[in-house]
Amino acid sequence: MIIHYGQVLGDYLFDVFVAKFDFWLAFGLVAQLLFTARFLVQWISSERLGQSVVPMSFWFFSIAGGLMTLVYGIVKREPVIIIGQAAATFVYVRNIMLIVKNHASGSKTLDS
């Protein structure tokens, strides 16, 4: 029984990651890697400063990964991805606008 489930799992993973591998799967994986990299950037920045911070690069990684994931969702016709990433991208852009505005007015933030 355990061997059967192992074979079924192996078949499933092969189907998902090998048999269906194409440009768009690679594109989507790169998008997810970019999106995940933002957390590494945030963690490293926080460790260096000894406090939790969200650096500007976090938002750029968010936009890049989010837009690529949005394109992937559009091509694959995935409404959950399209809605989620379209809304999230607005938030990322707005945060950058707020940071730029605060820097222009001379405000000091944790991003300074």
C-alpha atoms as a PDB file:
ATOM      1  CA  MET A   1       0.000   0.000   0.000  1.00  0.00           C
ATOM      2  CA  ILE A   2       2.764   2.454   0.907  1.00  0.00           C
ATOM      3  CA  ILE A   3       4.615   1.509  -2.271  1.00  0.00           C
ATOM      4  CA  HIS A   4       1.473   2.192  -4.296  1.00  0.00           C
ATOM      5  CA  TYR A   5       1.084   5.681  -2.778  1.00  0.00           C
ATOM      6  CA  GLY A   6       4.763   6.351  -3.416  1.00  0.00           C
ATOM      7  CA  GLN A   7       4.306   5.430  -7.070  1.00  0.00           C
ATOM      8  CA  VAL A   8       1.178   7.591  -7.368  1.00  0.00           C
ATOM      9  CA  LEU A   9       3.028  10.537  -5.798  1.00  0.00           C
ATOM     10  CA  GLY A  10       5.999   9.970  -8.097  1.00  0.00           C
ATOM     11  CA  ASP A  11       3.726   9.882 -11.141  1.00  0.00           C
ATOM     12  CA  TYR A  12       1.997  13.073 -10.030  1.00  0.00           C
ATOM     13  CA  LEU A  13       5.273  14.939  -9.442  1.00  0.00           C
ATOM     14  CA  PHE A  14       6.637  13.759 -12.786  1.00  0.00           C
ATOM     15  CA  ASP A  15       3.475  14.942 -14.543  1.00  0.00           C
ATOM     16  CA  VAL A  16       3.506  18.342 -12.861  1.00  0.00           C
ATOM     17  CA  PHE A  17       7.229  19.187 -12.994  1.00  0.00           C
ATOM     18  CA  VAL A  18       8.664  17.206 -15.910  1.00  0.00           C
ATOM     19  CA  ALA A  19       6.007  16.169 -18.439  1.00  0.00           C
ATOM     20  CA  LYS A  20       4.376  19.624 -18.462  1.00  0.00           C
ATOM     21  CA  PHE A  21       7.614  21.623 -18.355  1.00  0.00           C
ATOM     22  CA  ASP A  22       7.586  24.468 -20.860  1.00  0.00           C
ATOM     23  CA  PHE A  23       8.602  28.111 -21.152  1.00  0.00           C
ATOM     24  CA  TRP A  24       5.656  29.328 -19.063  1.00  0.00           C
ATOM     25  CA  LEU A  25       6.358  26.933 -16.224  1.00  0.00           C
ATOM     26  CA  ALA A  26       9.978  28.148 -16.176  1.00  0.00           C
ATOM     27  CA  PHE A  27       8.728  31.760 -16.322  1.00  0.00           C
ATOM     28  CA  GLY A  28       6.349  31.144 -13.407  1.00  0.00           C
ATOM     29  CA  LEU A  29       9.082  29.504 -11.348  1.00  0.00           C
ATOM     30  CA  VAL A  30      11.423  32.451 -11.930  1.00  0.00           C
ATOM     31  CA  ALA A  31       8.588  34.802 -10.936  1.00  0.00           C
ATOM     32  CA  GLN A  32       8.104  32.890  -7.684  1.00  0.00           C
ATOM     33  CA  LEU A  33      11.845  32.911  -6.998  1.00  0.00           C
ATOM     34  CA  LEU A  34      11.949  36.693  -7.456  1.00  0.00           C
ATOM     35  CA  PHE A  35       8.923  37.097  -5.240  1.00  0.00           C
ATOM     36  CA  THR A  36      10.466  34.883  -2.557  1.00  0.00           C
ATOM     37  CA  ALA A  37      13.801  36.723  -2.792  1.00  0.00           C
ATOM     38  CA  ARG A  38      12.124  39.808  -1.339  1.00  0.00           C
ATOM     39  CA  PHE A  39      11.881  38.050   2.015  1.00  0.00           C
ATOM     40  CA  LEU A  40      15.586  37.240   1.953  1.00  0.00           C
ATOM     41  CA  VAL A  41      16.346  40.892   1.183  1.00  0.00           C
ATOM     42  CA  GLN A  42      14.120  42.016   4.066  1.00  0.00           C
ATOM     43  CA  TRP A  43      15.628  39.498   6.469  1.00  0.00           C
ATOM     44  CA  ILE A  44      19.235  40.407   5.606  1.00  0.00           C
ATOM     45  CA  SER A  45      18.482  44.142   5.916  1.00  0.00           C
ATOM     46  CA  SER A  46      16.793  43.604   9.273  1.00  0.00           C
ATOM     47  CA  GLU A  47      19.683  41.509  10.590  1.00  0.00           C
ATOM     48  CA  ARG A  48      22.209  44.150   9.531  1.00  0.00           C
ATOM     49  CA  LEU A  49      20.306  46.911  11.341  1.00  0.00           C
ATOM     50  CA  GLY A  50      19.259  44.810  14.300  1.00  0.00           C
ATOM     51  CA  GLN A  51      15.592  45.705  13.844  1.00  0.00           C
ATOM     52  CA  SER A  52      12.779  44.837  11.484  1.00  0.00           C
ATOM     53  CA  VAL A  53      12.895  47.015   8.357  1.00  0.00           C
ATOM     54  CA  VAL A  54      11.380  46.905   4.894  1.00  0.00           C
ATOM     55  CA  PRO A  55      13.978  48.230   2.432  1.00  0.00           C
ATOM     56  CA  MET A  56      13.070  49.809  -0.892  1.00  0.00           C
ATOM     57  CA  SER A  57      14.505  46.790  -2.709  1.00  0.00           C
ATOM     58  CA  PHE A  58      11.813  44.646  -1.038  1.00  0.00           C
ATOM     59  CA  TRP A  59       9.179  46.599  -2.960  1.00  0.00           C
ATOM     60  CA  PHE A  60      11.082  46.331  -6.249  1.00  0.00           C
ATOM     61  CA  PHE A  61      11.357  42.551  -5.837  1.00  0.00           C
ATOM     62  CA  SER A  62       7.635  42.540  -4.994  1.00  0.00           C
ATOM     63  CA  ILE A  63       6.750  44.429  -8.170  1.00  0.00           C
ATOM     64  CA  ALA A  64       9.004  42.325 -10.410  1.00  0.00           C
ATOM     65  CA  GLY A  65       7.855  39.005  -8.992  1.00  0.00           C
ATOM     66  CA  GLY A  66       4.236  40.135  -8.754  1.00  0.00           C
ATOM     67  CA  LEU A  67       4.057  41.399 -12.340  1.00  0.00           C
ATOM     68  CA  MET A  68       5.726  38.266 -13.672  1.00  0.00           C
ATOM     69  CA  THR A  69       3.306  36.122 -11.684  1.00  0.00           C
ATOM     70  CA  LEU A  70       0.430  38.244 -13.008  1.00  0.00           C
ATOM     71  CA  VAL A  71       1.595  37.655 -16.597  1.00  0.00           C
ATOM     72  CA  TYR A  72       1.852  33.934 -15.849  1.00  0.00           C
ATOM     73  CA  GLY A  73      -1.685  33.959 -14.442  1.00  0.00           C
ATOM     74  CA  ILE A  74      -3.018  35.788 -17.494  1.00  0.00           C
ATOM     75  CA  VAL A  75      -1.347  33.382 -19.915  1.00  0.00           C
ATOM     76  CA  LYS A  76      -2.516  30.345 -17.925  1.00  0.00           C
ATOM     77  CA  ARG A  77      -5.994  31.879 -17.431  1.00  0.00           C
ATOM     78  CA  GLU A  78      -5.857  31.493 -13.654  1.00  0.00           C
ATOM     79  CA  PRO A  79      -8.389  33.909 -12.100  1.00  0.00           C
ATOM     80  CA  VAL A  80      -7.084  33.430  -8.552  1.00  0.00           C
ATOM     81  CA  ILE A  81      -3.576  34.482  -9.588  1.00  0.00           C
ATOM     82  CA  ILE A  82      -4.846  37.333 -11.790  1.00  0.00           C
ATOM     83  CA  ILE A  83      -7.020  38.874  -9.070  1.00  0.00           C
ATOM     84  CA  GLY A  84      -4.478  38.375  -6.297  1.00  0.00           C
ATOM     85  CA  GLN A  85      -1.474  39.721  -8.168  1.00  0.00           C
ATOM     86  CA  ALA A  86      -3.321  42.628  -9.794  1.00  0.00           C
ATOM     87  CA  ALA A  87      -4.477  43.847  -6.376  1.00  0.00           C
ATOM     88  CA  ALA A  88      -1.094  43.214  -4.747  1.00  0.00           C
ATOM     89  CA  THR A  89       0.799  45.081  -7.474  1.00  0.00           C
ATOM     90  CA  PHE A  90      -1.269  48.170  -6.723  1.00  0.00           C
ATOM     91  CA  VAL A  91      -0.156  47.924  -3.072  1.00  0.00           C
ATOM     92  CA  TYR A  92       3.514  47.567  -4.037  1.00  0.00           C
ATOM     93  CA  VAL A  93       3.412  50.587  -6.343  1.00  0.00           C
ATOM     94  CA  ARG A  94       1.573  52.640  -3.727  1.00  0.00           C
ATOM     95  CA  ASN A  95       4.183  51.810  -1.082  1.00  0.00           C
ATOM     96  CA  ILE A  96       6.968  52.970  -3.394  1.00  0.00           C
ATOM     97  CA  MET A  97       5.028  56.181  -4.071  1.00  0.00           C
ATOM     98  CA  LEU A  98       4.719  56.801  -0.330  1.00  0.00           C
ATOM     99  CA  ILE A  99       8.421  56.138   0.272  1.00  0.00           C
ATOM    100  CA  VAL A 100       9.435  58.494  -2.547  1.00  0.00           C
ATOM    101  CA  LYS A 101       7.041  61.149  -1.239  1.00  0.00           C
ATOM    102  CA  ASN A 102       8.433  60.863   2.294  1.00  0.00           C
ATOM    103  CA  HIS A 103      12.018  61.052   1.062  1.00  0.00           C
ATOM    104  CA  ALA A 104      11.197  64.103  -1.067  1.00  0.00           C
ATOM    105  CA  SER A 105       9.665  65.882   1.930  1.00  0.00           C
ATOM    106  CA  GLY A 106      12.679  65.063   4.108  1.00  0.00           C
ATOM    107  CA  SER A 107      10.910  62.579   6.383  1.00  0.00           C
ATOM    108  CA  LYS A 108      13.077  59.950   7.972  1.00  0.00           C
ATOM    109  CA  THR A 109      11.771  56.405   7.766  1.00  0.00           C
ATOM    110  CA  LEU A 110      13.280  53.026   8.511  1.00  0.00           C
ATOM    111  CA  ASP A 111      14.083  52.854   4.802  1.00  0.00           C
ATOM    112  CA  SER A 112      16.466  55.819   5.056  1.00  0.00           C
END
